[in-house]
Amino acid sequence: MQKSNNTEMVRRSLSAVWHPCSQMKHYETFPLIPIARGLGAWLYDFDGKRYLDAVSSWWVNLFGHSNPQINAALREQLEQLEHVMLAGFTHEPVIALSERLHELAPPGLGHCFYGSDGASATEIALKMSAHYWRNSGYADKTNFISLQNSYHGETLGALSVTDVALFRDAYGTLIRQQATVISPDDRLAEADETRETYALRCAHALELHLQQHHAQLAALIIEPLVQGAAGMAMYHPAYLTRARELCDQYGVHLIADEIAVGMGRTGTMFACEQANITPDFLLLSKGITGGYLPLSVVMTKDSIYQAFYADEMARGFLHSHSYTGNPLACRAALATLDIFKQDEVLAANRLKAACLNRIAEPLRAHPAVRNWRNTGMIWAFEVMTPYSDFAQRCFSLGLQHELLLRPMGNTVYFMPPYIITEAEMQLLVTRTLHIIQELT
């Protein structure tokens, strides 16, 4: 088959594919980038041009494209079992993965329910929480609460706890919009407040809400330490510690959405570890398979599991996906966990984070850069710019400089694969600095 060039690939895609989170008409003047292959931290188009994947392909790729160890694991699994339904059946990869996650997760999380993506995990946790309360004799506890500017997915259930104006305006009439409380986002603190003081002030606002509404509240859902779609809003772990105490006090579940921030992204395997807490539900997806295959998991406690364990079908958890616990996805996840262990990734990432922070000093010092921040392997900052379309301009210039950047408003962030090298960090920072200079 003759290899298509970039132009031909774009033409075919625009005639056949409806691309996500896009205004398709914009592609008339802002062309798609067709990708032919990936290797390590790099993506390559059909004309051979390369792009450093500084956003891990929507935050999923941990150990590089075409990782040989994950490739080998998938080839081996393909020869054994590609898929079997998980209702009434089971298989070794899903059992092994569940056992491994139980060993790694905060204490007390021992039951794994699988889905296909992050929004599915959110749906599962919301339904499971409300159904638990119903089974336990508290049928009025059907409401939820989340942080301002939160993002938990784009299905209708997930949108009900997602505080993004664009989605709310488009689909608000279809969803049961839930309440929000003030975000502990460090950027919102007063000038004389420390990160911790501000986080505790926000936790007090949560306490006031729980005092008034706990009888109707099933759960608080939260993105631990970093709110991704809010522009990588980072906050002090004291908020999580206090939220856990308050949820216990008022009889409300705590759902930790670690879809984006789990799997080592914040510096620990799970962000909740930094507050020394165990949530009632832990949601994982994105990097759990190393960016290879769709998979999500909701981990929960035995006390919640037991509320569903009965003779009556109506008391069971009524949720399913055709590809729940897919063997190939589970095998990719197991290979990903193997890499974490054998390469001592968390320790290596601490050194890489320090290295990038050192390299980035000239960028951090640029007069147009504001609110430089870093948590684990996530960096973000705002750019003071005269351009209302800064995000699009920055993305376009990034491609010209061999960088895949995806700014949110005037927030630029780095969320690279963990295998990024010092030379690649230097390239990322130097060329981002050139882009910032051009746009300010």
Protein backbone atom coordinates (compact mmCIF):
# COMPACT_ATOMS: atom_id res chain seq x y z
CA MET A 1 0.00 0.00 0.00
CA GLN A 2 1.42 3.37 -1.02
CA LYS A 3 2.21 5.65 1.90
CA SER A 4 -0.01 8.77 2.04
CA ASN A 5 1.56 12.18 2.59
CA ASN A 6 0.34 14.72 5.13
CA THR A 7 -2.01 16.53 2.77
CA GLU A 8 -3.75 13.37 1.64
CA MET A 9 -4.12 12.14 5.22
CA VAL A 10 -5.71 15.43 6.29
CA ARG A 11 -8.14 15.33 3.36
CA ARG A 12 -9.25 11.80 4.20
CA SER A 13 -9.59 12.53 7.91
CA LEU A 14 -11.70 15.65 7.42
CA SER A 15 -14.07 13.80 5.11
CA ALA A 16 -14.57 10.83 7.44
CA VAL A 17 -13.63 11.62 11.06
CA TRP A 18 -15.47 13.86 13.52
CA HIS A 19 -12.64 14.93 15.82
CA PRO A 20 -13.17 15.34 19.59
CA CYS A 21 -13.40 18.65 21.43
CA SER A 22 -13.10 20.49 18.11
CA GLN A 23 -14.92 22.98 15.93
CA MET A 24 -14.45 21.15 12.65
CA LYS A 25 -14.69 24.33 10.58
CA HIS A 26 -11.51 25.61 12.24
CA TYR A 27 -9.55 22.89 10.46
CA GLU A 28 -10.11 24.76 7.18
CA THR A 29 -7.46 27.25 8.30
CA PHE A 30 -5.79 25.37 11.16
CA PRO A 31 -4.84 22.02 9.64
CA LEU A 32 -4.77 18.68 11.41
CA ILE A 33 -1.39 17.09 12.06
CA PRO A 34 -1.37 13.51 10.73
CA ILE A 35 0.88 11.22 12.77
CA ALA A 36 2.54 8.24 11.11
CA ARG A 37 4.45 6.78 14.04
CA GLY A 38 5.80 7.44 17.52
CA LEU A 39 9.06 6.58 19.21
CA GLY A 40 10.06 7.53 22.75
CA ALA A 41 8.97 11.07 23.51
CA TRP A 42 8.56 11.91 19.82
CA LEU A 43 5.74 11.78 17.26
CA TYR A 44 6.46 11.80 13.50
CA ASP A 45 4.20 12.90 10.66
CA PHE A 46 4.06 11.38 7.17
CA ASP A 47 6.62 13.84 5.85
CA GLY A 48 9.09 12.88 8.57
CA LYS A 49 8.72 16.00 10.72
CA ARG A 50 8.93 15.29 14.44
CA TYR A 51 7.16 16.74 17.49
CA LEU A 52 8.21 16.38 21.13
CA ASP A 53 5.12 15.08 22.94
CA ALA A 54 5.22 17.52 25.87
CA VAL A 55 1.64 16.69 26.90
CA SER A 56 1.93 12.88 26.79
CA SER A 57 -0.81 12.70 24.15
CA TRP A 58 -3.54 14.04 26.44
CA TRP A 59 -1.72 12.98 29.63
CA VAL A 60 -1.72 9.24 28.98
CA ASN A 61 1.74 8.25 27.71
CA LEU A 62 4.12 7.51 30.57
CA PHE A 63 7.00 5.51 29.11
CA GLY A 64 7.20 6.66 25.53
CA HIS A 65 5.63 5.67 22.26
CA SER A 66 6.38 2.17 20.95
CA ASN A 67 7.78 1.11 24.30
CA PRO A 68 9.47 -2.26 23.66
CA GLN A 69 8.47 -3.82 27.00
CA ILE A 70 4.77 -2.96 26.67
CA ASN A 71 4.85 -4.00 23.00
CA ALA A 72 6.24 -7.41 23.94
CA ALA A 73 3.64 -7.92 26.68
CA LEU A 74 0.81 -7.17 24.26
CA ARG A 75 2.19 -9.49 21.59
CA GLU A 76 2.36 -12.29 24.14
CA GLN A 77 -1.19 -11.62 25.34
CA LEU A 78 -2.53 -11.57 21.76
CA GLU A 79 -1.47 -15.18 21.39
CA GLN A 80 -3.43 -16.20 24.50
CA LEU A 81 -6.65 -14.20 24.89
CA GLU A 82 -7.80 -10.94 23.30
CA HIS A 83 -11.13 -10.57 25.13
CA VAL A 84 -13.79 -12.35 27.14
CA MET A 85 -16.81 -10.86 28.87
CA LEU A 86 -16.23 -10.28 32.58
CA ALA A 87 -19.82 -11.05 33.59
CA GLY A 88 -19.69 -14.70 34.63
CA PHE A 89 -16.08 -15.13 33.47
CA THR A 90 -12.64 -14.02 34.60
CA HIS A 91 -9.03 -14.23 33.40
CA GLU A 92 -5.48 -13.98 34.69
CA PRO A 93 -4.58 -10.39 33.58
CA VAL A 94 -7.58 -8.80 35.34
CA ILE A 95 -6.97 -10.81 38.51
CA ALA A 96 -3.26 -10.03 38.54
CA LEU A 97 -3.85 -6.33 37.89
CA SER A 98 -6.43 -6.08 40.67
CA GLU A 99 -4.05 -7.77 43.09
CA ARG A 100 -1.18 -5.46 42.11
CA LEU A 101 -3.31 -2.34 42.49
CA HIS A 102 -4.48 -3.50 45.91
CA GLU A 103 -0.84 -3.81 46.99
CA LEU A 104 0.02 -0.32 45.71
CA ALA A 105 -3.07 1.70 46.63
CA PRO A 106 -3.73 3.48 49.94
CA PRO A 107 -4.69 1.00 52.69
CA GLY A 108 -8.20 -0.43 52.58
CA LEU A 109 -8.84 -0.21 48.85
CA GLY A 110 -9.28 -3.80 47.74
CA HIS A 111 -12.12 -4.15 45.23
CA CYS A 112 -11.63 -3.14 41.57
CA PHE A 113 -14.46 -2.37 39.15
CA TYR A 114 -13.34 -1.79 35.56
CA GLY A 115 -14.51 0.57 32.82
CA SER A 116 -13.17 1.87 29.54
CA ASP A 117 -12.16 5.50 30.18
CA GLY A 118 -12.03 8.24 32.76
CA ALA A 119 -15.60 9.46 32.35
CA SER A 120 -16.77 5.86 32.77
CA ALA A 121 -14.89 5.67 36.07
CA THR A 122 -16.63 8.83 37.25
CA GLU A 123 -20.02 7.41 36.28
CA ILE A 124 -19.26 4.17 38.12
CA ALA A 125 -18.20 5.94 41.31
CA LEU A 126 -21.21 8.29 41.37
CA LYS A 127 -23.65 5.43 40.81
CA MET A 128 -21.89 3.17 43.28
CA SER A 129 -21.91 5.84 45.99
CA ALA A 130 -25.60 6.69 45.61
CA HIS A 131 -26.54 3.00 45.35
CA TYR A 132 -24.55 2.24 48.51
CA TRP A 133 -26.53 4.82 50.45
CA ARG A 134 -29.80 3.43 49.07
CA ASN A 135 -28.82 -0.11 50.07
CA SER A 136 -27.86 1.21 53.49
CA GLY A 137 -31.23 2.85 54.13
CA TYR A 138 -30.35 6.45 53.19
CA ALA A 139 -32.20 6.84 49.91
CA ASP A 140 -32.19 10.66 50.14
CA LYS A 141 -28.40 10.84 49.75
CA THR A 142 -28.34 11.29 45.97
CA ASN A 143 -26.52 14.61 45.52
CA PHE A 144 -22.84 15.30 44.94
CA ILE A 145 -20.43 18.15 45.41
CA SER A 146 -17.25 19.09 43.57
CA LEU A 147 -14.75 21.94 43.40
CA GLN A 148 -15.21 25.05 41.31
CA ASN A 149 -13.50 24.66 37.92
CA SER A 150 -13.44 20.89 38.35
CA TYR A 151 -13.36 18.42 35.47
CA HIS A 152 -14.45 14.79 35.80
CA GLY A 153 -15.44 13.81 32.25
CA GLU A 154 -17.97 14.61 29.56
CA THR A 155 -20.69 11.98 29.80
CA LEU A 156 -23.92 13.33 31.25
CA GLY A 157 -23.32 11.96 34.72
CA ALA A 158 -19.72 13.16 34.76
CA LEU A 159 -20.76 16.58 33.45
CA SER A 160 -23.05 17.00 36.45
CA VAL A 161 -19.93 17.30 38.63
CA THR A 162 -17.81 19.12 36.01
CA ASP A 163 -17.63 22.89 36.40
CA VAL A 164 -16.61 24.05 32.92
CA ALA A 165 -18.77 26.82 31.48
CA LEU A 166 -18.48 25.66 27.85
CA PHE A 167 -19.94 22.24 28.67
CA ARG A 168 -22.47 23.58 31.15
CA ASP A 169 -23.85 26.04 28.60
CA ALA A 170 -24.06 23.41 25.86
CA TYR A 171 -25.54 20.54 27.87
CA GLY A 172 -26.87 22.09 31.08
CA THR A 173 -30.50 21.31 30.23
CA LEU A 174 -29.67 17.59 29.99
CA ILE A 175 -27.92 17.15 33.31
CA ARG A 176 -28.68 17.41 37.00
CA GLN A 177 -26.16 20.09 37.88
CA GLN A 178 -24.54 19.56 41.27
CA ALA A 179 -23.18 22.10 43.73
CA THR A 180 -19.59 23.33 43.87
CA VAL A 181 -17.42 24.79 46.61
CA ILE A 182 -14.49 27.16 46.31
CA SER A 183 -11.31 25.68 44.86
CA PRO A 184 -8.10 25.57 46.95
CA ASP A 185 -6.20 26.62 43.78
CA ASP A 186 -3.05 28.38 45.03
CA ARG A 187 -3.51 31.17 42.49
CA LEU A 188 -6.64 32.34 44.30
CA ALA A 189 -4.94 32.88 47.68
CA GLU A 190 -4.59 36.35 49.16
CA ALA A 191 -1.14 37.93 49.06
CA ASP A 192 -0.58 37.35 52.78
CA GLU A 193 -1.78 33.72 52.79
CA THR A 194 0.42 30.65 52.63
CA ARG A 195 -0.63 27.74 50.44
CA GLU A 196 -1.64 25.76 53.49
CA THR A 197 -3.57 28.61 55.11
CA TYR A 198 -5.56 29.17 51.95
CA ALA A 199 -6.25 25.44 51.54
CA LEU A 200 -7.62 25.29 55.08
CA ARG A 201 -9.77 28.37 54.48
CA CYS A 202 -11.29 26.62 51.47
CA ALA A 203 -11.80 23.49 53.58
CA HIS A 204 -13.79 25.59 56.03
CA ALA A 205 -16.11 26.59 53.17
CA LEU A 206 -16.54 22.88 52.43
CA GLU A 207 -17.36 22.26 56.09
CA LEU A 208 -20.11 24.88 56.03
CA HIS A 209 -21.66 23.24 52.97
CA LEU A 210 -21.51 19.79 54.52
CA GLN A 211 -23.10 21.05 57.73
CA GLN A 212 -26.10 22.26 55.78
CA HIS A 213 -26.49 19.57 53.10
CA HIS A 214 -24.92 16.32 54.35
CA ALA A 215 -28.28 14.55 54.70
CA GLN A 216 -28.72 14.73 50.90
CA LEU A 217 -25.08 14.35 49.91
CA ALA A 218 -23.71 11.02 48.70
CA ALA A 219 -20.15 12.10 47.94
CA LEU A 220 -17.56 14.79 47.40
CA ILE A 221 -15.57 14.21 44.19
CA ILE A 222 -12.20 15.86 43.88
CA GLU A 223 -9.05 15.92 41.74
CA PRO A 224 -6.28 15.49 44.34
CA LEU A 225 -3.49 18.13 44.32
CA VAL A 226 -3.96 19.26 40.69
CA GLN A 227 -7.14 20.32 38.85
CA GLY A 228 -6.15 19.61 35.27
CA ALA A 229 -8.71 21.40 33.10
CA ALA A 230 -8.65 24.39 35.47
CA GLY A 231 -5.23 25.18 34.03
CA MET A 232 -3.21 22.78 36.19
CA ALA A 233 -4.48 24.42 39.37
CA MET A 234 -2.26 23.13 42.18
CA TYR A 235 -3.02 23.15 45.90
CA HIS A 236 -1.70 22.09 49.28
CA PRO A 237 -2.40 18.52 50.49
CA ALA A 238 -3.81 19.92 53.75
CA TYR A 239 -7.08 20.39 51.87
CA LEU A 240 -7.29 16.66 51.18
CA THR A 241 -6.49 15.79 54.79
CA ARG A 242 -9.23 18.07 56.06
CA ALA A 243 -11.71 16.94 53.38
CA ARG A 244 -11.22 13.33 54.51
CA GLU A 245 -11.91 14.32 58.12
CA LEU A 246 -15.03 16.27 57.17
CA CYS A 247 -16.42 13.52 54.96
CA ASP A 248 -16.01 11.07 57.84
CA GLN A 249 -17.62 13.49 60.27
CA TYR A 250 -20.69 14.16 58.11
CA GLY A 251 -21.17 10.72 56.56
CA VAL A 252 -20.26 11.63 52.96
CA HIS A 253 -18.09 9.55 50.61
CA LEU A 254 -14.82 10.96 49.30
CA ILE A 255 -14.16 10.17 45.63
CA ALA A 256 -10.56 10.78 44.56
CA ASP A 257 -10.44 11.32 40.79
CA GLU A 258 -6.84 10.39 40.06
CA ILE A 259 -7.55 9.74 36.38
CA ALA A 260 -4.99 12.37 35.38
CA VAL A 261 -2.88 12.70 38.54
CA GLY A 262 -2.42 9.05 39.50
CA MET A 263 0.25 6.63 38.30
CA GLY A 264 3.16 8.71 39.57
CA ARG A 265 2.25 11.99 37.90
CA THR A 266 2.32 14.08 41.11
CA GLY A 267 5.52 12.50 42.43
CA THR A 268 3.93 9.64 44.38
CA MET A 269 2.15 6.70 42.81
CA PHE A 270 -1.17 8.19 43.95
CA ALA A 271 -1.67 11.83 44.84
CA CYS A 272 -3.68 10.92 47.95
CA GLU A 273 -0.51 9.50 49.50
CA GLN A 274 0.79 13.05 49.99
CA ALA A 275 -2.11 13.74 52.37
CA ASN A 276 -1.85 10.29 53.99
CA ILE A 277 -5.51 9.53 53.31
CA THR A 278 -7.56 6.69 51.87
CA PRO A 279 -10.55 7.82 49.78
CA ASP A 280 -13.74 5.78 49.64
CA PHE A 281 -13.32 5.52 45.86
CA LEU A 282 -10.09 5.88 43.86
CA LEU A 283 -10.48 6.48 40.12
CA LEU A 284 -7.66 5.57 37.71
CA SER A 285 -7.32 5.72 33.92
CA LYS A 286 -5.12 7.57 31.38
CA GLY A 287 -1.57 6.47 32.31
CA ILE A 288 -2.61 3.15 33.82
CA THR A 289 -1.87 1.35 30.52
CA GLY A 290 1.10 3.55 29.66
CA GLY A 291 -1.03 5.29 27.04
CA TYR A 292 -1.61 2.12 25.02
CA LEU A 293 -5.24 1.03 25.46
CA PRO A 294 -8.45 2.39 27.02
CA LEU A 295 -8.92 1.23 30.59
CA SER A 296 -10.27 2.66 33.82
CA VAL A 297 -10.72 1.27 37.29
CA VAL A 298 -12.64 2.27 40.39
CA MET A 299 -11.15 0.96 43.61
CA THR A 300 -13.24 0.92 46.77
CA LYS A 301 -13.41 -0.38 50.33
CA ASP A 302 -14.77 -3.67 51.57
CA SER A 303 -17.42 -1.88 53.65
CA ILE A 304 -18.88 -0.43 50.43
CA TYR A 305 -18.57 -3.74 48.58
CA GLN A 306 -20.44 -5.56 51.36
CA ALA A 307 -23.46 -3.24 51.02
CA PHE A 308 -24.06 -4.78 47.57
CA TYR A 309 -23.43 -8.41 48.58
CA ALA A 310 -26.88 -9.99 48.85
CA ASP A 311 -29.27 -12.49 47.29
CA GLU A 312 -31.36 -9.85 45.52
CA MET A 313 -30.17 -8.71 42.10
CA ALA A 314 -31.54 -5.25 42.77
CA ARG A 315 -28.99 -4.80 45.55
CA GLY A 316 -26.11 -5.65 43.21
CA PHE A 317 -24.21 -2.95 41.37
CA LEU A 318 -25.99 -2.56 38.03
CA HIS A 319 -23.36 -1.32 35.64
CA SER A 320 -21.39 -2.90 32.80
CA HIS A 321 -19.23 -2.24 29.75
CA SER A 322 -18.71 -4.70 26.91
CA TYR A 323 -14.94 -4.39 27.22
CA THR A 324 -14.78 -4.30 31.03
CA GLY A 325 -11.42 -5.66 32.19
CA ASN A 326 -10.20 -6.33 28.66
CA PRO A 327 -7.20 -8.74 28.85
CA LEU A 328 -5.04 -6.75 26.44
CA ALA A 329 -5.59 -3.49 28.36
CA CYS A 330 -4.96 -5.25 31.68
CA ARG A 331 -1.76 -6.76 30.29
CA ALA A 332 -0.56 -3.33 29.17
CA ALA A 333 -1.29 -2.04 32.67
CA LEU A 334 0.68 -4.88 34.24
CA ALA A 335 3.64 -4.13 31.97
CA THR A 336 3.37 -0.47 32.97
CA LEU A 337 3.51 -1.41 36.66
CA ASP A 338 6.49 -3.67 35.96
CA ILE A 339 8.39 -0.69 34.51
CA PHE A 340 7.58 1.42 37.57
CA LYS A 341 9.13 -1.23 39.82
CA GLN A 342 12.17 -2.37 37.85
CA ASP A 343 13.25 1.14 36.80
CA GLU A 344 12.49 2.75 40.19
CA VAL A 345 10.53 5.36 38.26
CA LEU A 346 9.29 7.45 41.17
CA ALA A 347 12.83 8.06 42.43
CA ALA A 348 14.06 8.74 38.89
CA ASN A 349 11.23 11.21 38.33
CA ARG A 350 12.25 13.24 41.38
CA LEU A 351 15.66 13.73 39.80
CA LYS A 352 14.13 14.59 36.43
CA ALA A 353 11.78 17.13 38.00
CA ALA A 354 14.70 18.83 39.72
CA CYS A 355 16.62 18.82 36.45
CA LEU A 356 13.80 20.41 34.47
CA ASN A 357 13.25 23.03 37.16
CA ARG A 358 16.93 23.93 36.96
CA ILE A 359 16.91 24.09 33.16
CA ALA A 360 13.70 26.16 33.21
CA GLU A 361 15.07 29.03 35.33
CA PRO A 362 15.37 31.40 32.32
CA LEU A 363 11.77 30.61 31.33
CA ARG A 364 10.54 31.07 34.88
CA ALA A 365 12.34 34.43 35.06
CA HIS A 366 10.80 35.78 31.86
CA PRO A 367 8.86 38.98 32.63
CA ALA A 368 5.72 37.68 30.89
CA VAL A 369 5.60 34.46 32.92
CA ARG A 370 3.38 34.35 36.01
CA ASN A 371 2.53 31.71 38.63
CA TRP A 372 5.25 29.21 37.77
CA ARG A 373 4.35 25.98 39.57
CA ASN A 374 5.38 22.36 39.68
CA THR A 375 3.97 19.19 41.25
CA GLY A 376 5.82 15.98 40.41
CA MET A 377 5.99 15.67 36.62
CA ILE A 378 3.56 18.52 35.95
CA TRP A 379 4.63 22.11 35.27
CA ALA A 380 2.45 25.10 34.46
CA PHE A 381 2.55 28.89 34.20
CA GLU A 382 0.50 31.78 32.83
CA VAL A 383 1.69 34.09 30.07
CA MET A 384 0.88 37.81 30.04
CA THR A 385 0.06 38.28 26.37
CA PRO A 386 -1.89 40.74 24.20
CA TYR A 387 -3.36 37.90 22.10
CA SER A 388 -6.87 36.69 22.90
CA ASP A 389 -6.13 33.62 20.77
CA PHE A 390 -2.88 32.90 22.59
CA ALA A 391 -3.58 29.18 22.98
CA GLN A 392 -3.98 28.65 19.25
CA ARG A 393 -0.97 30.78 18.39
CA CYS A 394 1.20 29.00 20.95
CA PHE A 395 0.09 25.58 19.70
CA SER A 396 0.84 26.53 16.09
CA LEU A 397 4.25 28.01 16.90
CA GLY A 398 5.02 24.98 19.01
CA LEU A 399 4.56 22.72 16.01
CA GLN A 400 6.92 24.91 14.02
CA HIS A 401 9.47 24.46 16.82
CA GLU A 402 8.98 20.65 16.95
CA LEU A 403 6.89 20.85 20.13
CA LEU A 404 3.44 19.47 20.89
CA LEU A 405 2.05 22.01 23.38
CA ARG A 406 -1.64 22.36 24.17
CA PRO A 407 -2.21 25.55 26.22
CA MET A 408 -5.46 26.16 28.09
CA GLY A 409 -6.28 29.84 27.69
CA ASN A 410 -3.06 31.64 28.59
CA THR A 411 -1.81 28.70 30.69
CA VAL A 412 1.09 26.74 29.24
CA TYR A 413 1.87 23.38 30.84
CA PHE A 414 4.36 20.55 30.46
CA MET A 415 3.27 16.99 31.23
CA PRO A 416 5.90 14.94 29.38
CA PRO A 417 6.46 11.18 29.31
CA TYR A 418 8.63 9.98 32.17
CA ILE A 419 11.31 8.83 29.75
CA ILE A 420 12.10 12.41 28.66
CA THR A 421 15.87 13.00 28.61
CA GLU A 422 17.84 16.00 29.83
CA ALA A 423 18.58 16.99 26.21
CA GLU A 424 14.87 16.84 25.41
CA MET A 425 14.08 18.94 28.48
CA GLN A 426 16.58 21.52 27.30
CA LEU A 427 14.98 21.58 23.86
CA LEU A 428 11.50 21.89 25.38
CA VAL A 429 12.42 24.82 27.60
CA THR A 430 14.58 26.68 25.09
CA ARG A 431 12.00 26.53 22.30
CA THR A 432 9.11 27.33 24.62
CA LEU A 433 11.03 30.42 25.69
CA HIS A 434 11.39 31.45 22.04
CA ILE A 435 7.65 31.04 21.56
CA ILE A 436 6.83 33.10 24.67
CA GLN A 437 9.16 35.86 23.50
CA GLU A 438 7.46 35.93 20.10
CA LEU A 439 3.95 36.08 21.59
CA THR A 440 4.67 38.78 24.19
